[in-house]
Amino acid sequence: MEDLINSPKHYTQGSIECLDAIESMLGKLGFADYLRGNIMKYLWRAPHKGSGPQDVAKAKFYMDRLAKLAEDGD
């Protein structure tokens, strides 16, 4: 079964995942801002879109990624 939260097939083309390409392009600070924006987006729409549990899980995915980025340091 496809994991729509952590690794959806539509975000992987070739050998690189879209999120990894975005991180490489934006650098650490820009990527942290990108992650925060996605967290806010998924939490904002969760009660309104009809896919609340999935949206909250996606917000957690981005929060976990942000936490790992912070743990990795400068």
PDB file of N, CA and C in Angstrom:
ATOM      1  N   MET A   1       0.832  -1.179   0.000  1.00  0.00           N
ATOM      2  CA  MET A   1       0.000   0.000   0.000  1.00  0.00           C
ATOM      3  C   MET A   1       0.885   1.254   0.000  1.00  0.00           C
ATOM      4  N   GLU A   2       0.506   2.223  -0.772  1.00  0.00           N
ATOM      5  CA  GLU A   2       1.280   3.464  -0.871  1.00  0.00           C
ATOM      6  C   GLU A   2       1.170   4.267   0.420  1.00  0.00           C
ATOM      7  N   ASP A   3       2.289   4.843   0.846  1.00  0.00           N
ATOM      8  CA  ASP A   3       2.329   5.697   2.025  1.00  0.00           C
ATOM      9  C   ASP A   3       2.119   7.145   1.586  1.00  0.00           C
ATOM     10  N   LEU A   4       0.882   7.616   1.669  1.00  0.00           N
ATOM     11  CA  LEU A   4       0.550   8.959   1.193  1.00  0.00           C
ATOM     12  C   LEU A   4       1.067  10.062   2.097  1.00  0.00           C
ATOM     13  N   ILE A   5       1.518   9.719   3.290  1.00  0.00           N
ATOM     14  CA  ILE A   5       2.026  10.726   4.216  1.00  0.00           C
ATOM     15  C   ILE A   5       3.531  10.910   4.054  1.00  0.00           C
ATOM     16  N   ASN A   6       4.287   9.845   4.168  1.00  0.00           N
ATOM     17  CA  ASN A   6       5.742   9.939   4.225  1.00  0.00           C
ATOM     18  C   ASN A   6       6.455   9.825   2.877  1.00  0.00           C
ATOM     19  N   SER A   7       5.852   9.157   1.927  1.00  0.00           N
ATOM     20  CA  SER A   7       6.545   8.959   0.662  1.00  0.00           C
ATOM     21  C   SER A   7       5.570   8.693  -0.486  1.00  0.00           C
ATOM     22  N   PRO A   8       4.758   9.690  -0.829  1.00  0.00           N
ATOM     23  CA  PRO A   8       3.822   9.487  -1.937  1.00  0.00           C
ATOM     24  C   PRO A   8       4.576   9.355  -3.264  1.00  0.00           C
ATOM     25  N   LYS A   9       4.150   8.426  -4.071  1.00  0.00           N
ATOM     26  CA  LYS A   9       4.824   8.157  -5.348  1.00  0.00           C
ATOM     27  C   LYS A   9       4.872   9.389  -6.249  1.00  0.00           C
ATOM     28  N   HIS A  10       3.849  10.223  -6.189  1.00  0.00           N
ATOM     29  CA  HIS A  10       3.800  11.368  -7.102  1.00  0.00           C
ATOM     30  C   HIS A  10       4.838  12.446  -6.769  1.00  0.00           C
ATOM     31  N   TYR A  11       5.560  12.308  -5.663  1.00  0.00           N
ATOM     32  CA  TYR A  11       6.625  13.259  -5.333  1.00  0.00           C
ATOM     33  C   TYR A  11       8.017  12.719  -5.626  1.00  0.00           C
ATOM     34  N   THR A  12       8.090  11.547  -6.214  1.00  0.00           N
ATOM     35  CA  THR A  12       9.392  10.978  -6.565  1.00  0.00           C
ATOM     36  C   THR A  12       9.436  10.738  -8.068  1.00  0.00           C
ATOM     37  N   GLN A  13      10.339  11.405  -8.709  1.00  0.00           N
ATOM     38  CA  GLN A  13      10.548  11.214 -10.141  1.00  0.00           C
ATOM     39  C   GLN A  13      12.029  10.923 -10.345  1.00  0.00           C
ATOM     40  N   GLY A  14      12.335   9.836 -10.989  1.00  0.00           N
ATOM     41  CA  GLY A  14      13.733   9.477 -11.157  1.00  0.00           C
ATOM     42  C   GLY A  14      14.323   9.045  -9.828  1.00  0.00           C
ATOM     43  N   SER A  15      15.506   9.524  -9.528  1.00  0.00           N
ATOM     44  CA  SER A  15      16.209   9.060  -8.326  1.00  0.00           C
ATOM     45  C   SER A  15      16.154  10.045  -7.160  1.00  0.00           C
ATOM     46  N   ILE A  16      15.441  11.155  -7.304  1.00  0.00           N
ATOM     47  CA  ILE A  16      15.406  12.142  -6.224  1.00  0.00           C
ATOM     48  C   ILE A  16      13.962  12.488  -5.869  1.00  0.00           C
ATOM     49  N   GLU A  17      13.733  12.625  -4.584  1.00  0.00           N
ATOM     50  CA  GLU A  17      12.408  13.029  -4.123  1.00  0.00           C
ATOM     51  C   GLU A  17      12.309  14.549  -4.179  1.00  0.00           C
ATOM     52  N   CYS A  18      11.156  15.044  -4.521  1.00  0.00           N
ATOM     53  CA  CYS A  18      10.924  16.482  -4.673  1.00  0.00           C
ATOM     54  C   CYS A  18      11.364  17.258  -3.434  1.00  0.00           C
ATOM     55  N   LEU A  19      11.046  16.757  -2.250  1.00  0.00           N
ATOM     56  CA  LEU A  19      11.387  17.459  -1.011  1.00  0.00           C
ATOM     57  C   LEU A  19      12.903  17.608  -0.856  1.00  0.00           C
ATOM     58  N   ASP A  20      13.649  16.600  -1.259  1.00  0.00           N
ATOM     59  CA  ASP A  20      15.110  16.682  -1.196  1.00  0.00           C
ATOM     60  C   ASP A  20      15.647  17.716  -2.182  1.00  0.00           C
ATOM     61  N   ALA A  21      15.040  17.806  -3.354  1.00  0.00           N
ATOM     62  CA  ALA A  21      15.453  18.808  -4.342  1.00  0.00           C
ATOM     63  C   ALA A  21      15.159  20.212  -3.835  1.00  0.00           C
ATOM     64  N   ILE A  22      14.002  20.396  -3.194  1.00  0.00           N
ATOM     65  CA  ILE A  22      13.645  21.705  -2.636  1.00  0.00           C
ATOM     66  C   ILE A  22      14.630  22.098  -1.545  1.00  0.00           C
ATOM     67  N   GLU A  23      14.973  21.159  -0.679  1.00  0.00           N
ATOM     68  CA  GLU A  23      15.952  21.440   0.380  1.00  0.00           C
ATOM     69  C   GLU A  23      17.289  21.858  -0.207  1.00  0.00           C
ATOM     70  N   SER A  24      17.733  21.151  -1.223  1.00  0.00           N
ATOM     71  CA  SER A  24      19.009  21.476  -1.857  1.00  0.00           C
ATOM     72  C   SER A  24      18.973  22.863  -2.489  1.00  0.00           C
ATOM     73  N   MET A  25      17.861  23.198  -3.108  1.00  0.00           N
ATOM     74  CA  MET A  25      17.728  24.476  -3.791  1.00  0.00           C
ATOM     75  C   MET A  25      17.628  25.652  -2.818  1.00  0.00           C
ATOM     76  N   LEU A  26      16.888  25.482  -1.712  1.00  0.00           N
ATOM     77  CA  LEU A  26      16.622  26.600  -0.806  1.00  0.00           C
ATOM     78  C   LEU A  26      17.683  26.801   0.268  1.00  0.00           C
ATOM     79  N   GLY A  27      18.469  25.791   0.558  1.00  0.00           N
ATOM     80  CA  GLY A  27      19.406  25.877   1.666  1.00  0.00           C
ATOM     81  C   GLY A  27      18.668  25.684   2.986  1.00  0.00           C
ATOM     82  N   LYS A  28      19.415  25.603   4.081  1.00  0.00           N
ATOM     83  CA  LYS A  28      18.826  25.266   5.375  1.00  0.00           C
ATOM     84  C   LYS A  28      17.776  26.281   5.841  1.00  0.00           C
ATOM     85  N   LEU A  29      18.080  27.561   5.801  1.00  0.00           N
ATOM     86  CA  LEU A  29      17.132  28.563   6.298  1.00  0.00           C
ATOM     87  C   LEU A  29      15.873  28.654   5.446  1.00  0.00           C
ATOM     88  N   GLY A  30      16.053  28.647   4.141  1.00  0.00           N
ATOM     89  CA  GLY A  30      14.903  28.685   3.248  1.00  0.00           C
ATOM     90  C   GLY A  30      14.038  27.440   3.377  1.00  0.00           C
ATOM     91  N   PHE A  31      14.695  26.292   3.540  1.00  0.00           N
ATOM     92  CA  PHE A  31      13.955  25.037   3.688  1.00  0.00           C
ATOM     93  C   PHE A  31      13.183  25.016   4.998  1.00  0.00           C
ATOM     94  N   ALA A  32      13.754  25.562   6.062  1.00  0.00           N
ATOM     95  CA  ALA A  32      13.043  25.643   7.339  1.00  0.00           C
ATOM     96  C   ALA A  32      11.778  26.487   7.183  1.00  0.00           C
ATOM     97  N   ASP A  33      11.869  27.605   6.471  1.00  0.00           N
ATOM     98  CA  ASP A  33      10.687  28.433   6.216  1.00  0.00           C
ATOM     99  C   ASP A  33       9.650  27.671   5.394  1.00  0.00           C
ATOM    100  N   TYR A  34      10.106  26.926   4.399  1.00  0.00           N
ATOM    101  CA  TYR A  34       9.214  26.112   3.569  1.00  0.00           C
ATOM    102  C   TYR A  34       8.467  25.094   4.431  1.00  0.00           C
ATOM    103  N   LEU A  35       9.193  24.428   5.321  1.00  0.00           N
ATOM    104  CA  LEU A  35       8.577  23.434   6.200  1.00  0.00           C
ATOM    105  C   LEU A  35       7.535  24.077   7.107  1.00  0.00           C
ATOM    106  N   ARG A  36       7.864  25.226   7.701  1.00  0.00           N
ATOM    107  CA  ARG A  36       6.913  25.924   8.567  1.00  0.00           C
ATOM    108  C   ARG A  36       5.649  26.320   7.800  1.00  0.00           C
ATOM    109  N   GLY A  37       5.820  26.752   6.571  1.00  0.00           N
ATOM    110  CA  GLY A  37       4.665  27.104   5.748  1.00  0.00           C
ATOM    111  C   GLY A  37       3.767  25.904   5.486  1.00  0.00           C
ATOM    112  N   ASN A  38       4.375  24.766   5.214  1.00  0.00           N
ATOM    113  CA  ASN A  38       3.571  23.565   4.981  1.00  0.00           C
ATOM    114  C   ASN A  38       2.864  23.102   6.246  1.00  0.00           C
ATOM    115  N   ILE A  39       3.531  23.207   7.389  1.00  0.00           N
ATOM    116  CA  ILE A  39       2.891  22.848   8.661  1.00  0.00           C
ATOM    117  C   ILE A  39       1.641  23.701   8.855  1.00  0.00           C
ATOM    118  N   MET A  40       1.787  24.995   8.666  1.00  0.00           N
ATOM    119  CA  MET A  40       0.652  25.905   8.840  1.00  0.00           C
ATOM    120  C   MET A  40      -0.459  25.584   7.843  1.00  0.00           C
ATOM    121  N   LYS A  41      -0.100  25.326   6.593  1.00  0.00           N
ATOM    122  CA  LYS A  41      -1.097  25.029   5.560  1.00  0.00           C
ATOM    123  C   LYS A  41      -1.920  23.796   5.922  1.00  0.00           C
ATOM    124  N   TYR A  42      -1.243  22.717   6.299  1.00  0.00           N
ATOM    125  CA  TYR A  42      -1.976  21.482   6.592  1.00  0.00           C
ATOM    126  C   TYR A  42      -2.832  21.601   7.847  1.00  0.00           C
ATOM    127  N   LEU A  43      -2.357  22.300   8.863  1.00  0.00           N
ATOM    128  CA  LEU A  43      -3.174  22.484  10.066  1.00  0.00           C
ATOM    129  C   LEU A  43      -4.351  23.423   9.805  1.00  0.00           C
ATOM    130  N   TRP A  44      -4.132  24.422   8.982  1.00  0.00           N
ATOM    131  CA  TRP A  44      -5.171  25.399   8.663  1.00  0.00           C
ATOM    132  C   TRP A  44      -6.344  24.734   7.945  1.00  0.00           C
ATOM    133  N   ARG A  45      -6.030  23.875   6.981  1.00  0.00           N
ATOM    134  CA  ARG A  45      -7.094  23.302   6.165  1.00  0.00           C
ATOM    135  C   ARG A  45      -7.683  22.019   6.741  1.00  0.00           C
ATOM    136  N   ALA A  46      -7.044  21.424   7.741  1.00  0.00           N
ATOM    137  CA  ALA A  46      -7.475  20.126   8.272  1.00  0.00           C
ATOM    138  C   ALA A  46      -8.959  20.072   8.643  1.00  0.00           C
ATOM    139  N   PRO A  47      -9.494  21.066   9.345  1.00  0.00           N
ATOM    140  CA  PRO A  47     -10.900  20.946   9.730  1.00  0.00           C
ATOM    141  C   PRO A  47     -11.890  21.251   8.600  1.00  0.00           C
ATOM    142  N   HIS A  48     -11.404  21.685   7.453  1.00  0.00           N
ATOM    143  CA  HIS A  48     -12.303  22.170   6.406  1.00  0.00           C
ATOM    144  C   HIS A  48     -12.313  21.333   5.133  1.00  0.00           C
ATOM    145  N   LYS A  49     -11.316  20.512   4.937  1.00  0.00           N
ATOM    146  CA  LYS A  49     -11.146  19.849   3.647  1.00  0.00           C
ATOM    147  C   LYS A  49     -11.795  18.473   3.573  1.00  0.00           C
ATOM    148  N   GLY A  50     -12.098  17.883   4.707  1.00  0.00           N
ATOM    149  CA  GLY A  50     -12.681  16.555   4.695  1.00  0.00           C
ATOM    150  C   GLY A  50     -11.648  15.448   4.799  1.00  0.00           C
ATOM    151  N   SER A  51     -10.389  15.817   4.954  1.00  0.00           N
ATOM    152  CA  SER A  51      -9.324  14.821   5.134  1.00  0.00           C
ATOM    153  C   SER A  51      -8.483  15.218   6.341  1.00  0.00           C
ATOM    154  N   GLY A  52      -9.165  15.603   7.416  1.00  0.00           N
ATOM    155  CA  GLY A  52      -8.506  16.107   8.616  1.00  0.00           C
ATOM    156  C   GLY A  52      -7.403  15.234   9.162  1.00  0.00           C
ATOM    157  N   PRO A  53      -7.644  13.941   9.407  1.00  0.00           N
ATOM    158  CA  PRO A  53      -6.579  13.104   9.960  1.00  0.00           C
ATOM    159  C   PRO A  53      -5.344  13.026   9.050  1.00  0.00           C
ATOM    160  N   GLN A  54      -5.567  12.949   7.746  1.00  0.00           N
ATOM    161  CA  GLN A  54      -4.437  12.904   6.820  1.00  0.00           C
ATOM    162  C   GLN A  54      -3.691  14.239   6.812  1.00  0.00           C
ATOM    163  N   ASP A  55      -4.415  15.346   6.860  1.00  0.00           N
ATOM    164  CA  ASP A  55      -3.761  16.659   6.881  1.00  0.00           C
ATOM    165  C   ASP A  55      -2.963  16.859   8.164  1.00  0.00           C
ATOM    166  N   VAL A  56      -3.487  16.419   9.296  1.00  0.00           N
ATOM    167  CA  VAL A  56      -2.749  16.525  10.554  1.00  0.00           C
ATOM    168  C   VAL A  56      -1.499  15.644  10.502  1.00  0.00           C
ATOM    169  N   ALA A  57      -1.611  14.466   9.899  1.00  0.00           N
ATOM    170  CA  ALA A  57      -0.442  13.584   9.749  1.00  0.00           C
ATOM    171  C   ALA A  57       0.610  14.224   8.855  1.00  0.00           C
ATOM    172  N   LYS A  58       0.178  14.917   7.794  1.00  0.00           N
ATOM    173  CA  LYS A  58       1.139  15.605   6.932  1.00  0.00           C
ATOM    174  C   LYS A  58       1.812  16.753   7.682  1.00  0.00           C
ATOM    175  N   ALA A  59       1.058  17.489   8.492  1.00  0.00           N
ATOM    176  CA  ALA A  59       1.656  18.555   9.302  1.00  0.00           C
ATOM    177  C   ALA A  59       2.713  17.970  10.238  1.00  0.00           C
ATOM    178  N   LYS A  60       2.425  16.823  10.823  1.00  0.00           N
ATOM    179  CA  LYS A  60       3.387  16.158  11.700  1.00  0.00           C
ATOM    180  C   LYS A  60       4.623  15.718  10.917  1.00  0.00           C
ATOM    181  N   PHE A  61       4.427  15.223   9.704  1.00  0.00           N
ATOM    182  CA  PHE A  61       5.550  14.838   8.853  1.00  0.00           C
ATOM    183  C   PHE A  61       6.495  16.029   8.668  1.00  0.00           C
ATOM    184  N   TYR A  62       5.927  17.187   8.327  1.00  0.00           N
ATOM    185  CA  TYR A  62       6.752  18.383   8.124  1.00  0.00           C
ATOM    186  C   TYR A  62       7.355  18.879   9.434  1.00  0.00           C
ATOM    187  N   MET A  63       6.634  18.752  10.536  1.00  0.00           N
ATOM    188  CA  MET A  63       7.171  19.131  11.844  1.00  0.00           C
ATOM    189  C   MET A  63       8.354  18.235  12.212  1.00  0.00           C
ATOM    190  N   ASP A  64       8.213  16.946  11.955  1.00  0.00           N
ATOM    191  CA  ASP A  64       9.324  16.023  12.230  1.00  0.00           C
ATOM    192  C   ASP A  64      10.539  16.355  11.377  1.00  0.00           C
ATOM    193  N   ARG A  65      10.311  16.711  10.135  1.00  0.00           N
ATOM    194  CA  ARG A  65      11.411  17.079   9.238  1.00  0.00           C
ATOM    195  C   ARG A  65      12.083  18.366   9.730  1.00  0.00           C
ATOM    196  N   LEU A  66      11.274  19.320  10.208  1.00  0.00           N
ATOM    197  CA  LEU A  66      11.814  20.568  10.761  1.00  0.00           C
ATOM    198  C   LEU A  66      12.621  20.298  12.019  1.00  0.00           C
ATOM    199  N   ALA A  67      12.129  19.402  12.877  1.00  0.00           N
ATOM    200  CA  ALA A  67      12.852  19.043  14.098  1.00  0.00           C
ATOM    201  C   ALA A  67      14.195  18.400  13.764  1.00  0.00           C
ATOM    202  N   LYS A  68      14.202  17.530  12.762  1.00  0.00           N
ATOM    203  CA  LYS A  68      15.456  16.879  12.355  1.00  0.00           C
ATOM    204  C   LYS A  68      16.437  17.915  11.798  1.00  0.00           C
ATOM    205  N   LEU A  69      15.932  18.854  11.034  1.00  0.00           N
ATOM    206  CA  LEU A  69      16.780  19.920  10.496  1.00  0.00           C
ATOM    207  C   LEU A  69      17.410  20.716  11.637  1.00  0.00           C
ATOM    208  N   ALA A  70      16.624  21.014  12.659  1.00  0.00           N
ATOM    209  CA  ALA A  70      17.133  21.749  13.826  1.00  0.00           C
ATOM    210  C   ALA A  70      18.148  20.922  14.601  1.00  0.00           C
ATOM    211  N   GLU A  71      17.906  19.635  14.737  1.00  0.00           N
ATOM    212  CA  GLU A  71      18.832  18.752  15.449  1.00  0.00           C
ATOM    213  C   GLU A  71      20.173  18.628  14.730  1.00  0.00           C
ATOM    214  N   ASP A  72      20.125  18.656  13.396  1.00  0.00           N
ATOM    215  CA  ASP A  72      21.348  18.508  12.602  1.00  0.00           C
ATOM    216  C   ASP A  72      22.263  19.713  12.754  1.00  0.00           C
ATOM    217  N   GLY A  73      21.722  20.824  13.265  1.00  0.00           N
ATOM    218  CA  GLY A  73      22.528  22.013  13.528  1.00  0.00           C
ATOM    219  C   GLY A  73      22.943  22.748  12.276  1.00  0.00           C
ATOM    220  N   ASP A  74      23.885  23.618  12.437  1.00  0.00           N
ATOM    221  CA  ASP A  74      24.341  24.484  11.343  1.00  0.00           C
ATOM    222  C   ASP A  74      25.246  23.785  10.378  1.00  0.00           C
TER     223      ASP A  74
END
